[in-house]
Amino acid sequence: MTSRTLIKNISIVNEGQIIVADLHIDNGVIQAIGQLNDDYNAKVIDGTGKYLFPGIIDGQVHFREPGLTHKGDLYMESKAALSGGVTSFIDMPNTFPNVLTIDTLNEKYRIASQQSLANFGFFLGVNGDNIDEVIKLDTSKLLGISDDGLYFTKKGNLLADNPETSFVVFRQRLSATRSLNKMESSHKNRKR
């Protein structure tokens, strides 16, 4: 059985365009896109009238690991995501325990590195219980922070319930972003 596939005349959707082309895949990796010859010793598929999309990124999932694996685990949930064309996901912090510490966040990354079939990322949860610690963190190293899904913890514990606290967190993040932009700008100027 060949591990090579040549899809002819497929409509490829990418970067706001649709082009009709051929696609050569070898061992699951795209090798060439264009008007290709049939000399790849490959299984040929007629893609006429069909569309090929890039992998979808789902930026807000509520997977259940750790703690609620009777509902689903990272292996099964990532497998389901892939079956629908989702190749990357970002999981919210409302597992059990909630992802409110760097240790819990790192544990979640460790579990995903062993179980997930898709690309993954995780938010650190923030609420009234850990806001002081999060404000002290260098959040530029995190994918993001969120209180999404943490509304079950207790009333008045969300950032949305405390606008002044939200302002402190976002001001800190904006300051970190501006510092990063200044560094990038300085680096670009030195290259000239």
C-alpha atoms as a PDB file:
ATOM      1  CA  MET A   1       0.000   0.000   0.000  1.00  0.00           C
ATOM      2  CA  THR A   2       1.394   3.362  -1.020  1.00  0.00           C
ATOM      3  CA  SER A   3       1.880   6.154   1.506  1.00  0.00           C
ATOM      4  CA  ARG A   4       1.737   8.699  -1.305  1.00  0.00           C
ATOM      5  CA  THR A   5      -1.417  10.477  -2.387  1.00  0.00           C
ATOM      6  CA  LEU A   6      -1.981  12.886  -5.263  1.00  0.00           C
ATOM      7  CA  ILE A   7      -5.215  14.867  -5.133  1.00  0.00           C
ATOM      8  CA  LYS A   8      -5.960  16.357  -8.554  1.00  0.00           C
ATOM      9  CA  ASN A   9      -7.993  19.517  -9.195  1.00  0.00           C
ATOM     10  CA  ILE A  10      -8.854  20.241  -5.568  1.00  0.00           C
ATOM     11  CA  SER A  11     -10.141  23.723  -4.584  1.00  0.00           C
ATOM     12  CA  ILE A  12      -7.674  24.829  -1.899  1.00  0.00           C
ATOM     13  CA  VAL A  13      -8.953  27.476   0.531  1.00  0.00           C
ATOM     14  CA  ASN A  14      -6.074  29.377   2.110  1.00  0.00           C
ATOM     15  CA  GLU A  15      -5.314  32.966   3.169  1.00  0.00           C
ATOM     16  CA  GLY A  16      -8.529  34.412   1.730  1.00  0.00           C
ATOM     17  CA  GLN A  17      -8.184  32.743  -1.658  1.00  0.00           C
ATOM     18  CA  ILE A  18      -9.445  29.647  -3.405  1.00  0.00           C
ATOM     19  CA  ILE A  19      -7.135  28.109  -5.986  1.00  0.00           C
ATOM     20  CA  VAL A  20      -7.675  24.944  -7.972  1.00  0.00           C
ATOM     21  CA  ALA A  21      -4.499  22.886  -7.887  1.00  0.00           C
ATOM     22  CA  ASP A  22      -3.058  19.449  -7.306  1.00  0.00           C
ATOM     23  CA  LEU A  23      -1.720  18.355  -3.936  1.00  0.00           C
ATOM     24  CA  HIS A  24       1.007  15.755  -3.360  1.00  0.00           C
ATOM     25  CA  ILE A  25       1.084  14.126   0.091  1.00  0.00           C
ATOM     26  CA  ASP A  26       3.835  11.726   1.175  1.00  0.00           C
ATOM     27  CA  ASN A  27       3.640   9.961   4.560  1.00  0.00           C
ATOM     28  CA  GLY A  28       0.963  12.398   5.737  1.00  0.00           C
ATOM     29  CA  VAL A  29       2.980  15.518   4.890  1.00  0.00           C
ATOM     30  CA  ILE A  30       2.147  17.913   2.043  1.00  0.00           C
ATOM     31  CA  GLN A  31       5.104  17.854  -0.348  1.00  0.00           C
ATOM     32  CA  ALA A  32       3.919  19.951  -3.285  1.00  0.00           C
ATOM     33  CA  ILE A  33       1.026  22.127  -4.434  1.00  0.00           C
ATOM     34  CA  GLY A  34       0.539  23.204  -8.043  1.00  0.00           C
ATOM     35  CA  GLN A  35      -0.159  21.742 -11.452  1.00  0.00           C
ATOM     36  CA  LEU A  36       1.543  18.404 -10.819  1.00  0.00           C
ATOM     37  CA  ASN A  37       2.269  15.411 -13.019  1.00  0.00           C
ATOM     38  CA  ASP A  38       0.979  11.940 -12.158  1.00  0.00           C
ATOM     39  CA  ASP A  39       4.518  10.547 -11.810  1.00  0.00           C
ATOM     40  CA  TYR A  40       4.586  10.324  -7.989  1.00  0.00           C
ATOM     41  CA  ASN A  41       3.724   6.616  -7.876  1.00  0.00           C
ATOM     42  CA  ALA A  42       0.823   7.706  -5.705  1.00  0.00           C
ATOM     43  CA  LYS A  43      -2.799   6.884  -5.148  1.00  0.00           C
ATOM     44  CA  VAL A  44      -4.677   9.468  -7.259  1.00  0.00           C
ATOM     45  CA  ILE A  45      -7.871  11.084  -5.979  1.00  0.00           C
ATOM     46  CA  ASP A  46     -10.079  13.288  -8.149  1.00  0.00           C
ATOM     47  CA  GLY A  47     -10.764  16.428  -6.110  1.00  0.00           C
ATOM     48  CA  THR A  48     -12.911  18.130  -8.722  1.00  0.00           C
ATOM     49  CA  GLY A  49     -15.731  20.022  -7.037  1.00  0.00           C
ATOM     50  CA  LYS A  50     -14.312  19.429  -3.544  1.00  0.00           C
ATOM     51  CA  TYR A  51     -12.645  21.860  -1.132  1.00  0.00           C
ATOM     52  CA  LEU A  52      -9.568  21.510   1.043  1.00  0.00           C
ATOM     53  CA  PHE A  53      -9.400  23.756   4.111  1.00  0.00           C
ATOM     54  CA  PRO A  54      -6.501  24.443   6.485  1.00  0.00           C
ATOM     55  CA  GLY A  55      -6.850  23.141  10.017  1.00  0.00           C
ATOM     56  CA  ILE A  56      -9.260  25.081  12.187  1.00  0.00           C
ATOM     57  CA  ILE A  57      -8.188  26.651  15.486  1.00  0.00           C
ATOM     58  CA  ASP A  58     -10.889  26.521  18.159  1.00  0.00           C
ATOM     59  CA  GLY A  59      -9.950  29.297  20.556  1.00  0.00           C
ATOM     60  CA  GLN A  60     -12.446  28.377  23.274  1.00  0.00           C
ATOM     61  CA  VAL A  61     -13.074  24.794  24.259  1.00  0.00           C
ATOM     62  CA  HIS A  62     -14.250  23.381  27.567  1.00  0.00           C
ATOM     63  CA  PHE A  63     -12.488  20.040  27.769  1.00  0.00           C
ATOM     64  CA  ARG A  64     -12.790  18.193  31.054  1.00  0.00           C
ATOM     65  CA  GLU A  65      -9.321  17.084  32.058  1.00  0.00           C
ATOM     66  CA  PRO A  66      -8.124  17.091  34.777  1.00  0.00           C
ATOM     67  CA  GLY A  67     -10.805  16.120  37.242  1.00  0.00           C
ATOM     68  CA  LEU A  68     -13.871  15.475  35.136  1.00  0.00           C
ATOM     69  CA  THR A  69     -12.612  12.662  32.915  1.00  0.00           C
ATOM     70  CA  HIS A  70     -15.852  10.716  33.317  1.00  0.00           C
ATOM     71  CA  LYS A  71     -17.193  13.312  30.858  1.00  0.00           C
ATOM     72  CA  GLY A  72     -14.170  13.206  28.531  1.00  0.00           C
ATOM     73  CA  ASP A  73     -10.395  13.285  28.517  1.00  0.00           C
ATOM     74  CA  LEU A  74      -7.864  15.129  26.378  1.00  0.00           C
ATOM     75  CA  TYR A  75      -7.282  12.108  24.151  1.00  0.00           C
ATOM     76  CA  MET A  76     -10.950  11.584  23.259  1.00  0.00           C
ATOM     77  CA  GLU A  77     -11.815  15.283  23.057  1.00  0.00           C
ATOM     78  CA  SER A  78      -8.833  16.066  20.811  1.00  0.00           C
ATOM     79  CA  LYS A  79      -9.709  13.061  18.646  1.00  0.00           C
ATOM     80  CA  ALA A  80     -13.262  14.392  18.264  1.00  0.00           C
ATOM     81  CA  ALA A  81     -11.895  17.851  17.430  1.00  0.00           C
ATOM     82  CA  LEU A  82      -9.642  16.425  14.711  1.00  0.00           C
ATOM     83  CA  SER A  83     -12.522  14.500  13.180  1.00  0.00           C
ATOM     84  CA  GLY A  84     -14.242  17.855  12.653  1.00  0.00           C
ATOM     85  CA  GLY A  85     -11.186  19.560  11.144  1.00  0.00           C
ATOM     86  CA  VAL A  86     -10.009  21.296  14.323  1.00  0.00           C
ATOM     87  CA  THR A  87      -6.234  20.879  14.464  1.00  0.00           C
ATOM     88  CA  SER A  88      -5.562  23.255  17.373  1.00  0.00           C
ATOM     89  CA  PHE A  89      -7.524  24.187  20.474  1.00  0.00           C
ATOM     90  CA  ILE A  90      -7.290  26.532  23.439  1.00  0.00           C
ATOM     91  CA  ASP A  91      -8.889  25.158  26.582  1.00  0.00           C
ATOM     92  CA  MET A  92     -10.568  27.245  29.264  1.00  0.00           C
ATOM     93  CA  PRO A  93      -9.539  26.966  32.939  1.00  0.00           C
ATOM     94  CA  ASN A  94     -12.764  25.552  34.405  1.00  0.00           C
ATOM     95  CA  THR A  95     -11.651  22.015  35.098  1.00  0.00           C
ATOM     96  CA  PHE A  96     -11.484  20.439  38.542  1.00  0.00           C
ATOM     97  CA  PRO A  97      -9.419  21.794  40.062  1.00  0.00           C
ATOM     98  CA  ASN A  98      -9.744  25.141  38.283  1.00  0.00           C
ATOM     99  CA  VAL A  99      -6.491  26.115  36.585  1.00  0.00           C
ATOM    100  CA  LEU A 100      -5.649  28.962  38.956  1.00  0.00           C
ATOM    101  CA  THR A 101      -1.941  28.297  39.566  1.00  0.00           C
ATOM    102  CA  ILE A 102       1.118  27.931  37.357  1.00  0.00           C
ATOM    103  CA  ASP A 103       1.627  24.432  38.791  1.00  0.00           C
ATOM    104  CA  THR A 104      -1.871  23.353  37.720  1.00  0.00           C
ATOM    105  CA  LEU A 105      -1.350  24.977  34.311  1.00  0.00           C
ATOM    106  CA  ASN A 106       1.965  23.143  33.847  1.00  0.00           C
ATOM    107  CA  GLU A 107       0.308  19.875  34.863  1.00  0.00           C
ATOM    108  CA  LYS A 108      -2.363  20.417  32.251  1.00  0.00           C
ATOM    109  CA  TYR A 109       0.339  20.997  29.588  1.00  0.00           C
ATOM    110  CA  ARG A 110       2.088  17.818  30.757  1.00  0.00           C
ATOM    111  CA  ILE A 111      -1.094  15.751  30.436  1.00  0.00           C
ATOM    112  CA  ALA A 112      -1.842  17.215  27.006  1.00  0.00           C
ATOM    113  CA  SER A 113       1.674  16.503  25.751  1.00  0.00           C
ATOM    114  CA  GLN A 114       1.051  12.827  26.494  1.00  0.00           C
ATOM    115  CA  GLN A 115      -2.577  12.532  25.386  1.00  0.00           C
ATOM    116  CA  SER A 116      -3.669  15.190  22.918  1.00  0.00           C
ATOM    117  CA  LEU A 117      -3.715  14.323  19.234  1.00  0.00           C
ATOM    118  CA  ALA A 118      -4.096  17.995  18.252  1.00  0.00           C
ATOM    119  CA  ASN A 119      -2.098  21.151  18.929  1.00  0.00           C
ATOM    120  CA  PHE A 120      -3.097  22.690  22.246  1.00  0.00           C
ATOM    121  CA  GLY A 121      -2.912  25.712  24.489  1.00  0.00           C
ATOM    122  CA  PHE A 122      -4.388  26.617  27.859  1.00  0.00           C
ATOM    123  CA  PHE A 123      -5.488  29.724  29.674  1.00  0.00           C
ATOM    124  CA  LEU A 124      -4.581  30.404  33.277  1.00  0.00           C
ATOM    125  CA  GLY A 125      -7.751  31.047  35.241  1.00  0.00           C
ATOM    126  CA  VAL A 126      -8.123  34.251  37.192  1.00  0.00           C
ATOM    127  CA  ASN A 127     -10.733  35.111  39.792  1.00  0.00           C
ATOM    128  CA  GLY A 128     -11.006  36.816  43.161  1.00  0.00           C
ATOM    129  CA  ASP A 129      -9.088  33.989  44.850  1.00  0.00           C
ATOM    130  CA  ASN A 130      -5.864  34.358  42.837  1.00  0.00           C
ATOM    131  CA  ILE A 131      -6.003  37.862  41.368  1.00  0.00           C
ATOM    132  CA  ASP A 132      -3.190  39.194  43.559  1.00  0.00           C
ATOM    133  CA  GLU A 133      -0.860  36.387  42.429  1.00  0.00           C
ATOM    134  CA  VAL A 134      -1.806  36.845  38.752  1.00  0.00           C
ATOM    135  CA  ILE A 135      -1.122  40.586  38.938  1.00  0.00           C
ATOM    136  CA  LYS A 136       2.406  39.784  40.164  1.00  0.00           C
ATOM    137  CA  LEU A 137       3.028  37.272  37.340  1.00  0.00           C
ATOM    138  CA  ASP A 138       4.826  38.024  34.108  1.00  0.00           C
ATOM    139  CA  THR A 139       1.791  37.124  32.012  1.00  0.00           C
ATOM    140  CA  SER A 140       3.700  37.727  28.771  1.00  0.00           C
ATOM    141  CA  LYS A 141       4.879  34.133  29.051  1.00  0.00           C
ATOM    142  CA  LEU A 142       1.291  32.820  29.152  1.00  0.00           C
ATOM    143  CA  LEU A 143      -1.038  32.166  26.251  1.00  0.00           C
ATOM    144  CA  GLY A 144      -3.630  34.177  28.149  1.00  0.00           C
ATOM    145  CA  ILE A 145      -5.679  34.537  31.273  1.00  0.00           C
ATOM    146  CA  SER A 146      -9.434  34.119  31.566  1.00  0.00           C
ATOM    147  CA  ASP A 147     -12.233  33.902  34.051  1.00  0.00           C
ATOM    148  CA  ASP A 148     -14.392  32.073  31.492  1.00  0.00           C
ATOM    149  CA  GLY A 149     -16.196  29.137  33.005  1.00  0.00           C
ATOM    150  CA  LEU A 150     -15.202  30.063  36.555  1.00  0.00           C
ATOM    151  CA  TYR A 151     -18.573  31.585  37.384  1.00  0.00           C
ATOM    152  CA  PHE A 152     -19.509  28.480  39.340  1.00  0.00           C
ATOM    153  CA  THR A 153     -16.884  29.170  42.012  1.00  0.00           C
ATOM    154  CA  LYS A 154     -18.851  31.786  43.968  1.00  0.00           C
ATOM    155  CA  LYS A 155     -20.792  35.002  43.414  1.00  0.00           C
ATOM    156  CA  GLY A 156     -18.695  38.124  42.937  1.00  0.00           C
ATOM    157  CA  ASN A 157     -15.533  36.153  42.209  1.00  0.00           C
ATOM    158  CA  LEU A 158     -15.127  36.999  38.511  1.00  0.00           C
ATOM    159  CA  LEU A 159     -13.106  39.764  36.915  1.00  0.00           C
ATOM    160  CA  ALA A 160     -16.320  40.935  35.250  1.00  0.00           C
ATOM    161  CA  ASP A 161     -17.810  41.477  38.724  1.00  0.00           C
ATOM    162  CA  ASN A 162     -14.908  43.777  39.638  1.00  0.00           C
ATOM    163  CA  PRO A 163     -14.165  46.293  36.854  1.00  0.00           C
ATOM    164  CA  GLU A 164     -11.411  48.030  38.836  1.00  0.00           C
ATOM    165  CA  THR A 165      -9.549  44.718  39.203  1.00  0.00           C
ATOM    166  CA  SER A 166     -10.008  43.962  35.506  1.00  0.00           C
ATOM    167  CA  PHE A 167      -8.473  47.340  34.727  1.00  0.00           C
ATOM    168  CA  VAL A 168      -5.346  46.498  36.777  1.00  0.00           C
ATOM    169  CA  VAL A 169      -4.879  43.189  34.943  1.00  0.00           C
ATOM    170  CA  PHE A 170      -5.405  44.675  31.482  1.00  0.00           C
ATOM    171  CA  ARG A 171      -3.212  47.703  32.217  1.00  0.00           C
ATOM    172  CA  GLN A 172      -0.416  45.336  33.250  1.00  0.00           C
ATOM    173  CA  ARG A 173      -0.846  43.291  30.062  1.00  0.00           C
ATOM    174  CA  LEU A 174      -0.933  46.428  27.902  1.00  0.00           C
ATOM    175  CA  SER A 175       2.253  47.668  29.547  1.00  0.00           C
ATOM    176  CA  ALA A 176       3.973  44.332  28.880  1.00  0.00           C
ATOM    177  CA  THR A 177       2.822  44.423  25.246  1.00  0.00           C
ATOM    178  CA  ARG A 178       4.118  47.962  24.764  1.00  0.00           C
ATOM    179  CA  SER A 179       7.489  46.956  26.223  1.00  0.00           C
ATOM    180  CA  LEU A 180       7.660  43.995  23.860  1.00  0.00           C
ATOM    181  CA  ASN A 181       6.759  46.187  20.882  1.00  0.00           C
ATOM    182  CA  LYS A 182       9.521  48.651  21.831  1.00  0.00           C
ATOM    183  CA  MET A 183      12.024  45.786  22.025  1.00  0.00           C
ATOM    184  CA  GLU A 184      10.922  44.456  18.610  1.00  0.00           C
ATOM    185  CA  SER A 185      11.116  47.929  17.096  1.00  0.00           C
ATOM    186  CA  SER A 186      14.583  48.466  18.557  1.00  0.00           C
ATOM    187  CA  HIS A 187      15.716  45.077  17.235  1.00  0.00           C
ATOM    188  CA  LYS A 188      14.412  45.841  13.726  1.00  0.00           C
ATOM    189  CA  ASN A 189      16.222  49.187  13.706  1.00  0.00           C
ATOM    190  CA  ARG A 190      19.532  47.523  14.635  1.00  0.00           C
ATOM    191  CA  LYS A 191      19.244  45.092  11.690  1.00  0.00           C
ATOM    192  CA  ARG A 192      19.223  47.895   9.110  1.00  0.00           C
END
